[in-house]
Amino acid sequence: MQQFVVRALFDDPAAVQEDDAIGALNCPQTIARALRLLGFAADLPVRVVAVRSQLPLDQVGSLVCPARPVKAAAIADVGVILATGLDPARFPAGVRAGIGPADRPDRSWREARTALHFASPRQPIVHYDDLGASALLAHVPRTVARDNADVAAITRIASTSEDLETLDVYCTTASLRRAAELLHLHHSSVSRRIDQIGRAMGIDLTDPTGLFRARLALATWRLLGD
């Protein structure tokens, strides 16, 4: 689907606001008309995916939804894929995606973009429904998030890529031994790094509460950088 066709539908001045091409498309009749013009059957729910990719969006869309209708276009700096069904396992390497629920396209688009904020090299594909209460972080004012001491500590740590990767893997696995396996390092080396990172953050990362704080700070830091 050519991008100008999608924008003609979703940027219709009578239906949407200039700064939120799909999110403002909140009139059910307008949504139904747009989906019909895009070739989607009225009785099939449409899922919206927010994508960041160096690959052409049409190519990504065809890969994740090879047998059903799929449309793709760029909206501002984010790619959008609309599909009646998709296989998340088929996203190619290097693509980050936030997958919204199969609900109203306007709400699915907002939630897909929120999920995309949480995508990372370790977890490139994120379903909004899997975020749970973590999705609330996307609504924290940026100035408040930036001024938080734990988030500021992550910003300092991020200047050293190996420290950031170590913390990311450890937060994901919650295990020094598993983190060592994924990082291809000795257990003692990872333990030493985590101890140093914890002291830099002022947090005991081996304590469940400290690990929770680090995960929360890391997720918030990513939101700020998106």
Protein backbone atom coordinates (compact mmCIF):
# COMPACT_ATOMS: atom_id res chain seq x y z
CA MET A 1 0.00 0.00 0.00
CA GLN A 2 1.45 3.33 -1.00
CA GLN A 3 2.12 5.63 1.93
CA PHE A 4 0.18 8.54 0.43
CA VAL A 5 -2.99 6.41 0.33
CA VAL A 6 -2.72 5.55 4.02
CA ARG A 7 -2.02 9.15 4.93
CA ALA A 8 -4.95 10.29 2.83
CA LEU A 9 -7.15 8.04 4.95
CA PHE A 10 -5.66 8.67 8.36
CA ASP A 11 -4.69 12.31 7.89
CA ASP A 12 -8.14 13.33 6.66
CA PRO A 13 -8.47 16.85 8.15
CA ALA A 14 -12.13 16.23 8.86
CA ALA A 15 -11.33 13.15 10.93
CA VAL A 16 -7.92 13.53 12.53
CA GLN A 17 -5.59 15.97 14.17
CA GLU A 18 -2.34 16.87 12.47
CA ASP A 19 -0.14 15.65 15.35
CA ASP A 20 -1.70 12.21 15.81
CA ALA A 21 -2.60 10.66 12.51
CA ILE A 22 -4.23 7.46 13.71
CA GLY A 23 -4.72 8.14 17.39
CA ALA A 24 -7.18 10.94 16.66
CA LEU A 25 -9.19 8.76 14.31
CA ASN A 26 -11.76 8.09 17.03
CA CYS A 27 -15.00 8.19 15.06
CA PRO A 28 -16.28 4.60 14.54
CA GLN A 29 -17.81 5.47 11.19
CA THR A 30 -14.58 7.04 9.97
CA ILE A 31 -12.57 4.06 11.16
CA ALA A 32 -14.91 1.64 9.39
CA ARG A 33 -14.75 3.66 6.16
CA ALA A 34 -10.94 3.84 6.29
CA LEU A 35 -10.57 0.10 6.87
CA ARG A 36 -12.94 -0.69 4.00
CA LEU A 37 -10.95 1.52 1.67
CA LEU A 38 -7.79 -0.25 2.78
CA GLY A 39 -9.33 -3.57 1.85
CA PHE A 40 -10.06 -4.99 5.31
CA ALA A 41 -13.27 -6.94 5.85
CA ALA A 42 -15.66 -5.34 8.32
CA ASP A 43 -16.03 -8.52 10.37
CA LEU A 44 -12.29 -9.09 11.01
CA PRO A 45 -10.46 -7.34 13.87
CA VAL A 46 -7.42 -5.35 12.77
CA ARG A 47 -4.24 -5.38 14.83
CA VAL A 48 -1.90 -2.40 14.70
CA VAL A 49 1.87 -2.69 15.05
CA ALA A 50 4.29 0.20 15.64
CA VAL A 51 7.65 -0.55 14.04
CA ARG A 52 11.18 0.78 13.88
CA SER A 53 13.09 -0.90 11.06
CA GLN A 54 15.78 -0.30 8.49
CA LEU A 55 13.95 -2.70 6.20
CA PRO A 56 11.09 -1.50 3.97
CA LEU A 57 7.83 -1.60 5.92
CA ASP A 58 6.03 -3.46 3.14
CA GLN A 59 8.64 -6.20 3.38
CA VAL A 60 8.24 -6.47 7.15
CA GLY A 61 4.47 -6.56 6.82
CA SER A 62 4.58 -9.34 4.22
CA LEU A 63 6.89 -11.40 6.43
CA VAL A 64 4.77 -11.23 9.59
CA CYS A 65 1.44 -11.56 7.82
CA PRO A 66 2.03 -13.58 4.64
CA ALA A 67 -1.46 -14.99 4.07
CA ARG A 68 -3.85 -12.21 5.10
CA PRO A 69 -4.41 -8.55 4.21
CA VAL A 70 -1.67 -6.28 5.53
CA LYS A 71 -0.94 -2.59 4.95
CA ALA A 72 2.10 -0.57 5.99
CA ALA A 73 3.18 3.06 5.95
CA ALA A 74 5.28 5.56 7.83
CA ILE A 75 3.56 7.95 10.22
CA ALA A 76 6.05 10.62 11.37
CA ASP A 77 9.13 8.68 12.54
CA VAL A 78 7.33 5.39 13.27
CA GLY A 79 6.23 2.68 10.88
CA VAL A 80 2.70 1.36 11.20
CA ILE A 81 1.53 -2.07 10.08
CA LEU A 82 -2.16 -2.96 10.00
CA ALA A 83 -3.02 -6.65 9.77
CA THR A 84 -5.89 -9.02 10.47
CA GLY A 85 -3.39 -11.54 11.81
CA LEU A 86 0.35 -11.75 12.31
CA ASP A 87 3.09 -14.08 13.50
CA PRO A 88 5.44 -12.21 15.87
CA ALA A 89 8.07 -14.93 15.43
CA ARG A 90 8.47 -13.88 11.80
CA PHE A 91 9.79 -10.39 12.53
CA PRO A 92 13.29 -10.22 11.01
CA ALA A 93 16.38 -9.51 13.07
CA GLY A 94 17.01 -5.84 13.77
CA VAL A 95 13.33 -4.88 13.81
CA ARG A 96 11.72 -3.50 16.95
CA ALA A 97 7.97 -3.64 17.23
CA GLY A 98 5.18 -2.82 19.64
CA ILE A 99 2.05 -4.88 19.08
CA GLY A 100 -1.32 -3.44 20.04
CA PRO A 101 -4.37 -5.56 20.88
CA ALA A 102 -6.88 -6.50 18.19
CA ASP A 103 -9.20 -3.73 19.27
CA ARG A 104 -10.28 -0.42 17.81
CA PRO A 105 -7.44 0.69 15.50
CA ASP A 106 -7.12 4.10 17.17
CA ARG A 107 -6.63 2.58 20.63
CA SER A 108 -4.49 -0.24 19.25
CA TRP A 109 -2.21 2.35 17.61
CA ARG A 110 -1.69 4.27 20.85
CA GLU A 111 -0.99 1.08 22.76
CA ALA A 112 1.31 -0.27 20.05
CA ARG A 113 3.41 2.89 20.26
CA THR A 114 3.58 2.53 24.03
CA ALA A 115 4.73 -1.08 23.64
CA LEU A 116 7.37 0.02 21.12
CA HIS A 117 8.89 2.30 23.77
CA PHE A 118 9.68 -0.81 25.82
CA ALA A 119 11.34 -2.73 22.99
CA SER A 120 15.07 -3.30 23.45
CA PRO A 121 17.90 -5.31 21.88
CA ARG A 122 17.18 -8.05 24.42
CA GLN A 123 13.41 -7.95 23.81
CA PRO A 124 12.78 -6.42 20.38
CA ILE A 125 9.11 -7.43 20.09
CA VAL A 126 6.74 -6.30 22.84
CA HIS A 127 3.01 -6.95 23.18
CA TYR A 128 1.12 -4.19 24.94
CA ASP A 129 -1.00 -6.76 26.76
CA ASP A 130 2.18 -8.20 28.33
CA LEU A 131 3.22 -4.87 29.86
CA GLY A 132 0.60 -4.83 32.58
CA ALA A 133 1.20 -2.03 35.06
CA SER A 134 4.56 -1.26 33.40
CA ALA A 135 2.63 0.57 30.68
CA LEU A 136 1.93 3.30 33.23
CA LEU A 137 5.58 4.38 32.98
CA ALA A 138 4.85 5.81 29.53
CA HIS A 139 2.57 8.38 31.18
CA VAL A 140 5.13 9.68 33.69
CA PRO A 141 6.13 13.27 32.77
CA ARG A 142 9.58 13.26 31.19
CA THR A 143 10.95 15.89 33.56
CA VAL A 144 9.86 13.83 36.56
CA ALA A 145 11.40 10.67 35.13
CA ARG A 146 14.65 12.40 34.18
CA ASP A 147 15.09 13.85 37.68
CA ASN A 148 14.69 10.49 39.42
CA ALA A 149 17.94 9.40 41.08
CA ASP A 150 17.78 5.80 39.82
CA VAL A 151 17.11 6.91 36.25
CA ALA A 152 19.94 9.45 36.44
CA ALA A 153 22.23 6.62 37.60
CA ILE A 154 21.28 4.56 34.55
CA THR A 155 22.14 7.53 32.35
CA ARG A 156 25.64 7.59 33.85
CA ILE A 157 26.06 3.84 33.52
CA ALA A 158 24.95 3.96 29.88
CA SER A 159 28.15 5.78 28.98
CA THR A 160 29.89 2.40 29.32
CA SER A 161 28.27 0.00 26.90
CA GLU A 162 29.48 -3.18 28.62
CA ASP A 163 28.07 -2.03 31.97
CA LEU A 164 24.73 -1.21 30.37
CA GLU A 165 24.60 -4.58 28.61
CA THR A 166 25.54 -6.41 31.81
CA LEU A 167 22.82 -4.64 33.76
CA ASP A 168 20.28 -5.25 31.00
CA VAL A 169 21.00 -8.99 30.86
CA TYR A 170 21.04 -9.32 34.63
CA CYS A 171 17.74 -7.45 34.97
CA THR A 172 16.22 -9.70 32.30
CA THR A 173 17.44 -13.00 33.78
CA ALA A 174 17.57 -12.13 37.52
CA SER A 175 20.42 -14.63 37.67
CA LEU A 176 24.17 -14.02 37.80
CA ARG A 177 24.87 -17.47 36.40
CA ARG A 178 22.41 -17.13 33.51
CA ALA A 179 23.67 -13.62 32.77
CA ALA A 180 27.22 -14.98 32.64
CA GLU A 181 26.14 -17.62 30.12
CA LEU A 182 24.47 -15.07 27.85
CA LEU A 183 27.38 -12.64 28.10
CA HIS A 184 29.95 -15.43 27.60
CA LEU A 185 31.77 -14.39 30.74
CA HIS A 186 32.82 -16.17 33.90
CA HIS A 187 30.33 -16.06 36.74
CA SER A 188 32.78 -14.19 38.96
CA SER A 189 33.33 -11.51 36.30
CA VAL A 190 29.61 -10.80 36.05
CA SER A 191 29.28 -10.84 39.83
CA ARG A 192 32.07 -8.27 40.09
CA ARG A 193 30.47 -6.04 37.43
CA ILE A 194 27.05 -6.21 39.08
CA ASP A 195 28.60 -5.31 42.41
CA GLN A 196 30.35 -2.29 40.86
CA ILE A 197 27.20 -1.18 39.02
CA GLY A 198 25.16 -1.57 42.18
CA ARG A 199 27.57 0.58 44.16
CA ALA A 200 27.48 3.22 41.41
CA MET A 201 23.68 3.24 41.61
CA GLY A 202 23.56 3.04 45.38
CA ILE A 203 21.44 -0.12 45.09
CA ASP A 204 22.00 -3.71 46.22
CA LEU A 205 21.23 -5.46 42.94
CA THR A 206 21.29 -8.89 44.56
CA ASP A 207 18.30 -7.92 46.71
CA PRO A 208 14.84 -8.40 45.10
CA THR A 209 13.85 -4.83 45.93
CA GLY A 210 17.05 -3.46 44.45
CA LEU A 211 16.62 -5.55 41.31
CA PHE A 212 13.07 -4.24 40.94
CA ARG A 213 14.33 -0.66 41.22
CA ALA A 214 16.98 -1.29 38.57
CA ARG A 215 14.45 -2.83 36.18
CA LEU A 216 12.09 0.08 36.67
CA ALA A 217 14.88 2.63 36.17
CA LEU A 218 16.17 0.87 33.06
CA ALA A 219 12.71 0.77 31.49
CA THR A 220 12.14 4.45 32.32
CA TRP A 221 15.53 5.42 30.91
CA ARG A 222 14.67 3.69 27.64
CA LEU A 223 11.41 5.61 27.45
CA LEU A 224 13.33 8.88 27.78
CA GLY A 225 15.69 7.92 24.99
CA ASP A 226 13.00 6.98 22.52
